[in-house]
Amino acid sequence: LRATLQQGQSYTISKYKGQSNLVVTVNEINLSSNPGYADVTLNYGNAVGSPPPTPQPTPLRPTAKPTTSAPTRACGDNVCIVSENNFSCPGDCAAVELRTW
């Protein structure tokens, strides 16, 4: 433990891990909730971060429906489908044995 901080106070660890300063700031301490919590900000090397999150999620814009079509099957695609046989499409079905139960 390096510091005991109150709400609104900060503590700077100089040259954290031999590099830049790390600043710990206590934004809020709430002991009336269960469990109690502290909201803190860590700033390393005077970094400029993004704004804090809002309580409401950001709505997403809907994306367009995909326009890809269903795959097509045709004689010569090396797949023997039910509408093909070794006579109508020997390239796909020549060595295929179809079993029915």
PDB file of N, CA and C in Angstrom:
ATOM      1  N   LEU A   1       0.858  -1.177   0.000  1.00  0.00           N
ATOM      2  CA  LEU A   1       0.000   0.000   0.000  1.00  0.00           C
ATOM      3  C   LEU A   1       0.893   1.226   0.000  1.00  0.00           C
ATOM      4  N   ARG A   2       0.748   2.038  -1.015  1.00  0.00           N
ATOM      5  CA  ARG A   2       1.585   3.233  -1.137  1.00  0.00           C
ATOM      6  C   ARG A   2       0.878   4.499  -0.694  1.00  0.00           C
ATOM      7  N   ALA A   3      -0.460   4.497  -0.738  1.00  0.00           N
ATOM      8  CA  ALA A   3      -1.188   5.716  -0.385  1.00  0.00           C
ATOM      9  C   ALA A   3      -2.594   5.382   0.053  1.00  0.00           C
ATOM     10  N   THR A   4      -3.127   6.209   0.917  1.00  0.00           N
ATOM     11  CA  THR A   4      -4.531   6.156   1.300  1.00  0.00           C
ATOM     12  C   THR A   4      -5.156   7.420   0.747  1.00  0.00           C
ATOM     13  N   LEU A   5      -6.104   7.265  -0.148  1.00  0.00           N
ATOM     14  CA  LEU A   5      -6.671   8.411  -0.845  1.00  0.00           C
ATOM     15  C   LEU A   5      -8.136   8.587  -0.518  1.00  0.00           C
ATOM     16  N   GLN A   6      -8.559   9.829  -0.494  1.00  0.00           N
ATOM     17  CA  GLN A   6      -9.961  10.182  -0.354  1.00  0.00           C
ATOM     18  C   GLN A   6     -10.512  10.490  -1.732  1.00  0.00           C
ATOM     19  N   GLN A   7     -11.819  10.550  -1.840  1.00  0.00           N
ATOM     20  CA  GLN A   7     -12.462  10.889  -3.096  1.00  0.00           C
ATOM     21  C   GLN A   7     -11.921  12.223  -3.606  1.00  0.00           C
ATOM     22  N   GLY A   8     -11.531  12.263  -4.897  1.00  0.00           N
ATOM     23  CA  GLY A   8     -11.005  13.481  -5.501  1.00  0.00           C
ATOM     24  C   GLY A   8      -9.493  13.614  -5.401  1.00  0.00           C
ATOM     25  N   GLN A   9      -8.832  12.751  -4.645  1.00  0.00           N
ATOM     26  CA  GLN A   9      -7.378  12.836  -4.508  1.00  0.00           C
ATOM     27  C   GLN A   9      -6.679  11.935  -5.523  1.00  0.00           C
ATOM     28  N   SER A  10      -5.400  12.269  -5.784  1.00  0.00           N
ATOM     29  CA  SER A  10      -4.577  11.488  -6.703  1.00  0.00           C
ATOM     30  C   SER A  10      -3.247  11.148  -6.049  1.00  0.00           C
ATOM     31  N   TYR A  11      -2.647  10.085  -6.562  1.00  0.00           N
ATOM     32  CA  TYR A  11      -1.309   9.692  -6.120  1.00  0.00           C
ATOM     33  C   TYR A  11      -0.505   9.337  -7.367  1.00  0.00           C
ATOM     34  N   THR A  12       0.728   9.866  -7.457  1.00  0.00           N
ATOM     35  CA  THR A  12       1.586   9.620  -8.607  1.00  0.00           C
ATOM     36  C   THR A  12       2.720   8.693  -8.225  1.00  0.00           C
ATOM     37  N   ILE A  13       2.870   7.623  -8.994  1.00  0.00           N
ATOM     38  CA  ILE A  13       4.017   6.722  -8.854  1.00  0.00           C
ATOM     39  C   ILE A  13       4.993   7.138  -9.948  1.00  0.00           C
ATOM     40  N   SER A  14       6.097   7.770  -9.545  1.00  0.00           N
ATOM     41  CA  SER A  14       7.065   8.281 -10.511  1.00  0.00           C
ATOM     42  C   SER A  14       7.793   7.148 -11.213  1.00  0.00           C
ATOM     43  N   LYS A  15       7.942   7.314 -12.506  1.00  0.00           N
ATOM     44  CA  LYS A  15       8.669   6.357 -13.353  1.00  0.00           C
ATOM     45  C   LYS A  15       8.275   4.912 -13.026  1.00  0.00           C
ATOM     46  N   TYR A  16       6.973   4.648 -13.150  1.00  0.00           N
ATOM     47  CA  TYR A  16       6.432   3.307 -12.896  1.00  0.00           C
ATOM     48  C   TYR A  16       7.133   2.293 -13.791  1.00  0.00           C
ATOM     49  N   LYS A  17       7.667   1.240 -13.187  1.00  0.00           N
ATOM     50  CA  LYS A  17       8.436   0.193 -13.881  1.00  0.00           C
ATOM     51  C   LYS A  17       9.568   0.795 -14.716  1.00  0.00           C
ATOM     52  N   GLY A  18      10.135   1.902 -14.205  1.00  0.00           N
ATOM     53  CA  GLY A  18      11.259   2.525 -14.870  1.00  0.00           C
ATOM     54  C   GLY A  18      10.896   3.345 -16.087  1.00  0.00           C
ATOM     55  N   GLN A  19       9.626   3.528 -16.338  1.00  0.00           N
ATOM     56  CA  GLN A  19       9.187   4.224 -17.546  1.00  0.00           C
ATOM     57  C   GLN A  19       8.516   5.549 -17.181  1.00  0.00           C
ATOM     58  N   SER A  20       7.241   5.679 -17.502  1.00  0.00           N
ATOM     59  CA  SER A  20       6.484   6.918 -17.293  1.00  0.00           C
ATOM     60  C   SER A  20       5.764   6.908 -15.955  1.00  0.00           C
ATOM     61  N   ASN A  21       5.233   8.069 -15.590  1.00  0.00           N
ATOM     62  CA  ASN A  21       4.482   8.193 -14.346  1.00  0.00           C
ATOM     63  C   ASN A  21       3.125   7.496 -14.462  1.00  0.00           C
ATOM     64  N   LEU A  22       2.685   6.923 -13.347  1.00  0.00           N
ATOM     65  CA  LEU A  22       1.356   6.331 -13.235  1.00  0.00           C
ATOM     66  C   LEU A  22       0.598   7.126 -12.190  1.00  0.00           C
ATOM     67  N   VAL A  23      -0.526   7.711 -12.574  1.00  0.00           N
ATOM     68  CA  VAL A  23      -1.319   8.525 -11.659  1.00  0.00           C
ATOM     69  C   VAL A  23      -2.611   7.780 -11.340  1.00  0.00           C
ATOM     70  N   VAL A  24      -2.863   7.572 -10.038  1.00  0.00           N
ATOM     71  CA  VAL A  24      -4.082   6.933  -9.553  1.00  0.00           C
ATOM     72  C   VAL A  24      -4.961   8.038  -8.983  1.00  0.00           C
ATOM     73  N   THR A  25      -6.179   8.179  -9.528  1.00  0.00           N
ATOM     74  CA  THR A  25      -7.117   9.205  -9.063  1.00  0.00           C
ATOM     75  C   THR A  25      -8.389   8.524  -8.590  1.00  0.00           C
ATOM     76  N   VAL A  26      -8.844   8.906  -7.394  1.00  0.00           N
ATOM     77  CA  VAL A  26     -10.088   8.362  -6.858  1.00  0.00           C
ATOM     78  C   VAL A  26     -11.227   9.285  -7.283  1.00  0.00           C
ATOM     79  N   ASN A  27     -12.094   8.770  -8.137  1.00  0.00           N
ATOM     80  CA  ASN A  27     -13.231   9.554  -8.624  1.00  0.00           C
ATOM     81  C   ASN A  27     -14.404   9.521  -7.658  1.00  0.00           C
ATOM     82  N   GLU A  28     -14.664   8.339  -7.101  1.00  0.00           N
ATOM     83  CA  GLU A  28     -15.817   8.181  -6.211  1.00  0.00           C
ATOM     84  C   GLU A  28     -15.562   7.025  -5.264  1.00  0.00           C
ATOM     85  N   ILE A  29     -16.030   7.189  -4.024  1.00  0.00           N
ATOM     86  CA  ILE A  29     -16.037   6.101  -3.051  1.00  0.00           C
ATOM     87  C   ILE A  29     -17.478   5.963  -2.584  1.00  0.00           C
ATOM     88  N   ASN A  30     -18.042   4.776  -2.748  1.00  0.00           N
ATOM     89  CA  ASN A  30     -19.431   4.551  -2.368  1.00  0.00           C
ATOM     90  C   ASN A  30     -19.482   3.395  -1.385  1.00  0.00           C
ATOM     91  N   LEU A  31     -19.682   3.722  -0.120  1.00  0.00           N
ATOM     92  CA  LEU A  31     -19.775   2.701   0.918  1.00  0.00           C
ATOM     93  C   LEU A  31     -21.215   2.374   1.278  1.00  0.00           C
ATOM     94  N   SER A  32     -22.177   3.103   0.686  1.00  0.00           N
ATOM     95  CA  SER A  32     -23.579   2.843   1.006  1.00  0.00           C
ATOM     96  C   SER A  32     -24.165   1.737   0.148  1.00  0.00           C
ATOM     97  N   SER A  33     -23.482   1.352  -0.929  1.00  0.00           N
ATOM     98  CA  SER A  33     -23.977   0.248  -1.740  1.00  0.00           C
ATOM     99  C   SER A  33     -23.425  -1.056  -1.193  1.00  0.00           C
ATOM    100  N   ASN A  34     -24.002  -2.163  -1.625  1.00  0.00           N
ATOM    101  CA  ASN A  34     -23.531  -3.474  -1.176  1.00  0.00           C
ATOM    102  C   ASN A  34     -23.201  -4.312  -2.395  1.00  0.00           C
ATOM    103  N   PRO A  35     -21.968  -4.600  -2.680  1.00  0.00           N
ATOM    104  CA  PRO A  35     -20.800  -4.214  -1.891  1.00  0.00           C
ATOM    105  C   PRO A  35     -20.397  -2.779  -2.186  1.00  0.00           C
ATOM    106  N   GLY A  36     -19.648  -2.191  -1.271  1.00  0.00           N
ATOM    107  CA  GLY A  36     -19.106  -0.861  -1.488  1.00  0.00           C
ATOM    108  C   GLY A  36     -18.066  -0.905  -2.599  1.00  0.00           C
ATOM    109  N   TYR A  37     -17.791   0.235  -3.208  1.00  0.00           N
ATOM    110  CA  TYR A  37     -16.817   0.253  -4.296  1.00  0.00           C
ATOM    111  C   TYR A  37     -16.121   1.603  -4.358  1.00  0.00           C
ATOM    112  N   ALA A  38     -14.992   1.611  -5.061  1.00  0.00           N
ATOM    113  CA  ALA A  38     -14.276   2.844  -5.375  1.00  0.00           C
ATOM    114  C   ALA A  38     -14.098   2.896  -6.882  1.00  0.00           C
ATOM    115  N   ASP A  39     -14.440   4.016  -7.482  1.00  0.00           N
ATOM    116  CA  ASP A  39     -14.240   4.249  -8.913  1.00  0.00           C
ATOM    117  C   ASP A  39     -12.943   5.035  -9.043  1.00  0.00           C
ATOM    118  N   VAL A  40     -11.948   4.434  -9.699  1.00  0.00           N
ATOM    119  CA  VAL A  40     -10.644   5.073  -9.831  1.00  0.00           C
ATOM    120  C   VAL A  40     -10.254   5.181 -11.297  1.00  0.00           C
ATOM    121  N   THR A  41      -9.376   6.127 -11.595  1.00  0.00           N
ATOM    122  CA  THR A  41      -8.811   6.280 -12.924  1.00  0.00           C
ATOM    123  C   THR A  41      -7.311   6.068 -12.817  1.00  0.00           C
ATOM    124  N   LEU A  42      -6.770   5.256 -13.724  1.00  0.00           N
ATOM    125  CA  LEU A  42      -5.331   5.058 -13.817  1.00  0.00           C
ATOM    126  C   LEU A  42      -4.868   5.725 -15.092  1.00  0.00           C
ATOM    127  N   ASN A  43      -3.882   6.612 -14.979  1.00  0.00           N
ATOM    128  CA  ASN A  43      -3.366   7.301 -16.147  1.00  0.00           C
ATOM    129  C   ASN A  43      -1.868   7.066 -16.207  1.00  0.00           C
ATOM    130  N   TYR A  44      -1.425   6.449 -17.285  1.00  0.00           N
ATOM    131  CA  TYR A  44      -0.020   6.110 -17.462  1.00  0.00           C
ATOM    132  C   TYR A  44       0.610   7.021 -18.502  1.00  0.00           C
ATOM    133  N   GLY A  45       1.623   7.738 -18.110  1.00  0.00           N
ATOM    134  CA  GLY A  45       2.358   8.577 -19.051  1.00  0.00           C
ATOM    135  C   GLY A  45       1.556   9.727 -19.608  1.00  0.00           C
ATOM    136  N   ASN A  46       0.667  10.319 -18.813  1.00  0.00           N
ATOM    137  CA  ASN A  46      -0.169  11.436 -19.260  1.00  0.00           C
ATOM    138  C   ASN A  46      -0.968  11.096 -20.516  1.00  0.00           C
ATOM    139  N   ALA A  47      -1.406   9.865 -20.608  1.00  0.00           N
ATOM    140  CA  ALA A  47      -2.177   9.415 -21.780  1.00  0.00           C
ATOM    141  C   ALA A  47      -3.495  10.163 -21.838  1.00  0.00           C
ATOM    142  N   VAL A  48      -3.889  10.476 -23.053  1.00  0.00           N
ATOM    143  CA  VAL A  48      -5.191  11.093 -23.284  1.00  0.00           C
ATOM    144  C   VAL A  48      -6.107   9.977 -23.734  1.00  0.00           C
ATOM    145  N   GLY A  49      -7.090   9.651 -22.922  1.00  0.00           N
ATOM    146  CA  GLY A  49      -7.972   8.533 -23.225  1.00  0.00           C
ATOM    147  C   GLY A  49      -9.284   8.975 -23.816  1.00  0.00           C
ATOM    148  N   SER A  50     -10.107   8.008 -24.059  1.00  0.00           N
ATOM    149  CA  SER A  50     -11.439   8.294 -24.561  1.00  0.00           C
ATOM    150  C   SER A  50     -12.309   8.754 -23.395  1.00  0.00           C
ATOM    151  N   PRO A  51     -13.431   9.399 -23.674  1.00  0.00           N
ATOM    152  CA  PRO A  51     -14.298   9.842 -22.592  1.00  0.00           C
ATOM    153  C   PRO A  51     -14.856   8.640 -21.837  1.00  0.00           C
ATOM    154  N   PRO A  52     -15.213   8.833 -20.583  1.00  0.00           N
ATOM    155  CA  PRO A  52     -15.751   7.703 -19.817  1.00  0.00           C
ATOM    156  C   PRO A  52     -17.046   7.189 -20.431  1.00  0.00           C
ATOM    157  N   PRO A  53     -17.347   5.918 -20.214  1.00  0.00           N
ATOM    158  CA  PRO A  53     -18.573   5.362 -20.796  1.00  0.00           C
ATOM    159  C   PRO A  53     -19.814   5.999 -20.193  1.00  0.00           C
ATOM    160  N   THR A  54     -20.871   6.013 -20.975  1.00  0.00           N
ATOM    161  CA  THR A  54     -22.141   6.544 -20.494  1.00  0.00           C
ATOM    162  C   THR A  54     -22.968   5.387 -19.931  1.00  0.00           C
ATOM    163  N   PRO A  55     -23.940   5.684 -19.096  1.00  0.00           N
ATOM    164  CA  PRO A  55     -24.760   4.603 -18.551  1.00  0.00           C
ATOM    165  C   PRO A  55     -25.657   3.947 -19.596  1.00  0.00           C
ATOM    166  N   GLN A  56     -25.926   4.653 -20.688  1.00  0.00           N
ATOM    167  CA  GLN A  56     -26.768   4.106 -21.739  1.00  0.00           C
ATOM    168  C   GLN A  56     -25.888   3.605 -22.877  1.00  0.00           C
ATOM    169  N   PRO A  57     -26.135   2.408 -23.385  1.00  0.00           N
ATOM    170  CA  PRO A  57     -25.325   1.912 -24.502  1.00  0.00           C
ATOM    171  C   PRO A  57     -25.565   2.740 -25.766  1.00  0.00           C
ATOM    172  N   THR A  58     -24.554   2.815 -26.593  1.00  0.00           N
ATOM    173  CA  THR A  58     -24.663   3.521 -27.857  1.00  0.00           C
ATOM    174  C   THR A  58     -25.415   2.636 -28.845  1.00  0.00           C
ATOM    175  N   PRO A  59     -26.514   3.133 -29.423  1.00  0.00           N
ATOM    176  CA  PRO A  59     -27.261   2.289 -30.368  1.00  0.00           C
ATOM    177  C   PRO A  59     -26.437   2.026 -31.625  1.00  0.00           C
ATOM    178  N   LEU A  60     -26.537   0.824 -32.119  1.00  0.00           N
ATOM    179  CA  LEU A  60     -25.842   0.432 -33.335  1.00  0.00           C
ATOM    180  C   LEU A  60     -26.733   0.671 -34.541  1.00  0.00           C
ATOM    181  N   ARG A  61     -26.119   1.071 -35.636  1.00  0.00           N
ATOM    182  CA  ARG A  61     -26.867   1.222 -36.877  1.00  0.00           C
ATOM    183  C   ARG A  61     -27.038  -0.153 -37.505  1.00  0.00           C
ATOM    184  N   PRO A  62     -28.225  -0.496 -37.966  1.00  0.00           N
ATOM    185  CA  PRO A  62     -28.408  -1.814 -38.582  1.00  0.00           C
ATOM    186  C   PRO A  62     -27.581  -1.927 -39.862  1.00  0.00           C
ATOM    187  N   THR A  63     -27.097  -3.108 -40.099  1.00  0.00           N
ATOM    188  CA  THR A  63     -26.329  -3.350 -41.320  1.00  0.00           C
ATOM    189  C   THR A  63     -27.240  -3.916 -42.398  1.00  0.00           C
ATOM    190  N   ALA A  64     -26.807  -3.809 -43.617  1.00  0.00           N
ATOM    191  CA  ALA A  64     -27.596  -4.308 -44.740  1.00  0.00           C
ATOM    192  C   ALA A  64     -27.606  -5.836 -44.733  1.00  0.00           C
ATOM    193  N   LYS A  65     -28.694  -6.398 -45.236  1.00  0.00           N
ATOM    194  CA  LYS A  65     -28.817  -7.844 -45.343  1.00  0.00           C
ATOM    195  C   LYS A  65     -27.802  -8.347 -46.383  1.00  0.00           C
ATOM    196  N   PRO A  66     -27.120  -9.449 -46.097  1.00  0.00           N
ATOM    197  CA  PRO A  66     -26.155  -9.974 -47.074  1.00  0.00           C
ATOM    198  C   PRO A  66     -26.824 -10.266 -48.412  1.00  0.00           C
ATOM    199  N   THR A  67     -26.096 -10.055 -49.483  1.00  0.00           N
ATOM    200  CA  THR A  67     -26.665 -10.234 -50.815  1.00  0.00           C
ATOM    201  C   THR A  67     -26.133 -11.485 -51.506  1.00  0.00           C
ATOM    202  N   THR A  68     -25.429 -12.329 -50.784  1.00  0.00           N
ATOM    203  CA  THR A  68     -24.908 -13.540 -51.421  1.00  0.00           C
ATOM    204  C   THR A  68     -26.054 -14.494 -51.713  1.00  0.00           C
ATOM    205  N   SER A  69     -26.004 -15.115 -52.854  1.00  0.00           N
ATOM    206  CA  SER A  69     -27.049 -16.055 -53.239  1.00  0.00           C
ATOM    207  C   SER A  69     -26.661 -17.461 -52.768  1.00  0.00           C
ATOM    208  N   ALA A  70     -27.636 -18.340 -52.793  1.00  0.00           N
ATOM    209  CA  ALA A  70     -27.380 -19.722 -52.403  1.00  0.00           C
ATOM    210  C   ALA A  70     -26.441 -20.362 -53.412  1.00  0.00           C
ATOM    211  N   PRO A  71     -25.577 -21.248 -52.954  1.00  0.00           N
ATOM    212  CA  PRO A  71     -24.671 -21.900 -53.905  1.00  0.00           C
ATOM    213  C   PRO A  71     -25.452 -22.702 -54.930  1.00  0.00           C
ATOM    214  N   THR A  72     -24.964 -22.709 -56.118  1.00  0.00           N
ATOM    215  CA  THR A  72     -25.615 -23.464 -57.179  1.00  0.00           C
ATOM    216  C   THR A  72     -24.833 -24.743 -57.436  1.00  0.00           C
ATOM    217  N   ARG A  73     -25.555 -25.764 -57.829  1.00  0.00           N
ATOM    218  CA  ARG A  73     -24.942 -27.048 -58.158  1.00  0.00           C
ATOM    219  C   ARG A  73     -25.174 -27.306 -59.639  1.00  0.00           C
ATOM    220  N   ALA A  74     -24.162 -27.780 -60.324  1.00  0.00           N
ATOM    221  CA  ALA A  74     -24.293 -28.060 -61.746  1.00  0.00           C
ATOM    222  C   ALA A  74     -23.401 -29.235 -62.101  1.00  0.00           C
ATOM    223  N   CYS A  75     -23.738 -29.879 -63.164  1.00  0.00           N
ATOM    224  CA  CYS A  75     -22.914 -30.970 -63.652  1.00  0.00           C
ATOM    225  C   CYS A  75     -21.512 -30.437 -63.936  1.00  0.00           C
ATOM    226  N   GLY A  76     -20.521 -31.131 -63.431  1.00  0.00           N
ATOM    227  CA  GLY A  76     -19.145 -30.714 -63.615  1.00  0.00           C
ATOM    228  C   GLY A  76     -18.545 -30.029 -62.404  1.00  0.00           C
ATOM    229  N   ASP A  77     -19.300 -29.999 -61.289  1.00  0.00           N
ATOM    230  CA  ASP A  77     -18.768 -29.364 -60.091  1.00  0.00           C
ATOM    231  C   ASP A  77     -18.159 -30.376 -59.105  1.00  0.00           C
ATOM    232  N   ASN A  78     -17.973 -31.620 -59.566  1.00  0.00           N
ATOM    233  CA  ASN A  78     -17.392 -32.707 -58.763  1.00  0.00           C
ATOM    234  C   ASN A  78     -18.236 -33.098 -57.563  1.00  0.00           C
ATOM    235  N   VAL A  79     -19.535 -32.790 -57.619  1.00  0.00           N
ATOM    236  CA  VAL A  79     -20.472 -33.193 -56.575  1.00  0.00           C
ATOM    237  C   VAL A  79     -21.650 -33.866 -57.257  1.00  0.00           C
ATOM    238  N   CYS A  80     -21.918 -35.093 -56.853  1.00  0.00           N
ATOM    239  CA  CYS A  80     -23.039 -35.827 -57.415  1.00  0.00           C
ATOM    240  C   CYS A  80     -24.266 -35.585 -56.553  1.00  0.00           C
ATOM    241  N   ILE A  81     -25.229 -34.819 -57.089  1.00  0.00           N
ATOM    242  CA  ILE A  81     -26.440 -34.513 -56.327  1.00  0.00           C
ATOM    243  C   ILE A  81     -27.584 -35.397 -56.812  1.00  0.00           C
ATOM    244  N   VAL A  82     -28.703 -35.338 -56.127  1.00  0.00           N
ATOM    245  CA  VAL A  82     -29.806 -36.246 -56.375  1.00  0.00           C
ATOM    246  C   VAL A  82     -30.353 -36.158 -57.801  1.00  0.00           C
ATOM    247  N   SER A  83     -30.277 -35.014 -58.432  1.00  0.00           N
ATOM    248  CA  SER A  83     -30.800 -34.890 -59.795  1.00  0.00           C
ATOM    249  C   SER A  83     -29.795 -35.364 -60.856  1.00  0.00           C
ATOM    250  N   GLU A  84     -28.599 -35.791 -60.457  1.00  0.00           N
ATOM    251  CA  GLU A  84     -27.586 -36.282 -61.382  1.00  0.00           C
ATOM    252  C   GLU A  84     -27.384 -37.783 -61.178  1.00  0.00           C
ATOM    253  N   ASN A  85     -26.880 -38.441 -62.220  1.00  0.00           N
ATOM    254  CA  ASN A  85     -26.516 -39.850 -62.101  1.00  0.00           C
ATOM    255  C   ASN A  85     -25.327 -40.112 -63.012  1.00  0.00           C
ATOM    256  N   ASN A  86     -24.864 -41.359 -63.032  1.00  0.00           N
ATOM    257  CA  ASN A  86     -23.664 -41.639 -63.821  1.00  0.00           C
ATOM    258  C   ASN A  86     -23.920 -41.548 -65.326  1.00  0.00           C
ATOM    259  N   PHE A  87     -25.195 -41.491 -65.755  1.00  0.00           N
ATOM    260  CA  PHE A  87     -25.493 -41.316 -67.177  1.00  0.00           C
ATOM    261  C   PHE A  87     -25.634 -39.835 -67.537  1.00  0.00           C
ATOM    262  N   SER A  88     -26.345 -39.074 -66.680  1.00  0.00           N
ATOM    263  CA  SER A  88     -26.582 -37.664 -66.994  1.00  0.00           C
ATOM    264  C   SER A  88     -25.372 -36.783 -66.687  1.00  0.00           C
ATOM    265  N   CYS A  89     -24.545 -37.221 -65.743  1.00  0.00           N
ATOM    266  CA  CYS A  89     -23.367 -36.422 -65.367  1.00  0.00           C
ATOM    267  C   CYS A  89     -22.255 -37.359 -64.908  1.00  0.00           C
ATOM    268  N   PRO A  90     -21.628 -38.077 -65.815  1.00  0.00           N
ATOM    269  CA  PRO A  90     -20.621 -39.054 -65.422  1.00  0.00           C
ATOM    270  C   PRO A  90     -19.398 -38.437 -64.744  1.00  0.00           C
ATOM    271  N   GLY A  91     -19.092 -37.177 -65.022  1.00  0.00           N
ATOM    272  CA  GLY A  91     -17.942 -36.539 -64.362  1.00  0.00           C
ATOM    273  C   GLY A  91     -18.124 -36.399 -62.868  1.00  0.00           C
ATOM    274  N   ASP A  92     -19.364 -36.195 -62.439  1.00  0.00           N
ATOM    275  CA  ASP A  92     -19.641 -36.048 -61.011  1.00  0.00           C
ATOM    276  C   ASP A  92     -20.006 -37.379 -60.349  1.00  0.00           C
ATOM    277  N   CYS A  93     -20.625 -38.295 -61.112  1.00  0.00           N
ATOM    278  CA  CYS A  93     -21.225 -39.466 -60.478  1.00  0.00           C
ATOM    279  C   CYS A  93     -20.662 -40.809 -60.960  1.00  0.00           C
ATOM    280  N   ALA A  94     -19.592 -40.829 -61.732  1.00  0.00           N
ATOM    281  CA  ALA A  94     -19.114 -42.076 -62.335  1.00  0.00           C
ATOM    282  C   ALA A  94     -18.792 -43.158 -61.315  1.00  0.00           C
ATOM    283  N   ALA A  95     -18.092 -42.849 -60.282  1.00  0.00           N
ATOM    284  CA  ALA A  95     -17.655 -43.882 -59.325  1.00  0.00           C
ATOM    285  C   ALA A  95     -18.433 -43.800 -58.018  1.00  0.00           C
ATOM    286  N   VAL A  96     -19.644 -43.277 -58.043  1.00  0.00           N
ATOM    287  CA  VAL A  96     -20.427 -43.111 -56.830  1.00  0.00           C
ATOM    288  C   VAL A  96     -21.463 -44.221 -56.757  1.00  0.00           C
ATOM    289  N   GLU A  97     -21.553 -44.795 -55.587  1.00  0.00           N
ATOM    290  CA  GLU A  97     -22.587 -45.800 -55.349  1.00  0.00           C
ATOM    291  C   GLU A  97     -23.639 -45.167 -54.460  1.00  0.00           C
ATOM    292  N   LEU A  98     -24.864 -45.032 -54.964  1.00  0.00           N
ATOM    293  CA  LEU A  98     -25.952 -44.467 -54.174  1.00  0.00           C
ATOM    294  C   LEU A  98     -26.701 -45.599 -53.505  1.00  0.00           C
ATOM    295  N   ARG A  99     -26.870 -45.472 -52.217  1.00  0.00           N
ATOM    296  CA  ARG A  99     -27.585 -46.494 -51.467  1.00  0.00           C
ATOM    297  C   ARG A  99     -28.917 -45.911 -50.988  1.00  0.00           C
ATOM    298  N   THR A 100     -29.932 -46.734 -51.032  1.00  0.00           N
ATOM    299  CA  THR A 100     -31.232 -46.366 -50.505  1.00  0.00           C
ATOM    300  C   THR A 100     -31.625 -47.392 -49.461  1.00  0.00           C
ATOM    301  N   TRP A 101     -32.327 -46.968 -48.466  1.00  0.00           N
ATOM    302  CA  TRP A 101     -32.771 -47.894 -47.429  1.00  0.00           C
ATOM    303  C   TRP A 101     -34.256 -47.988 -47.429  1.00  0.00           C
TER     304      TRP A 101
END
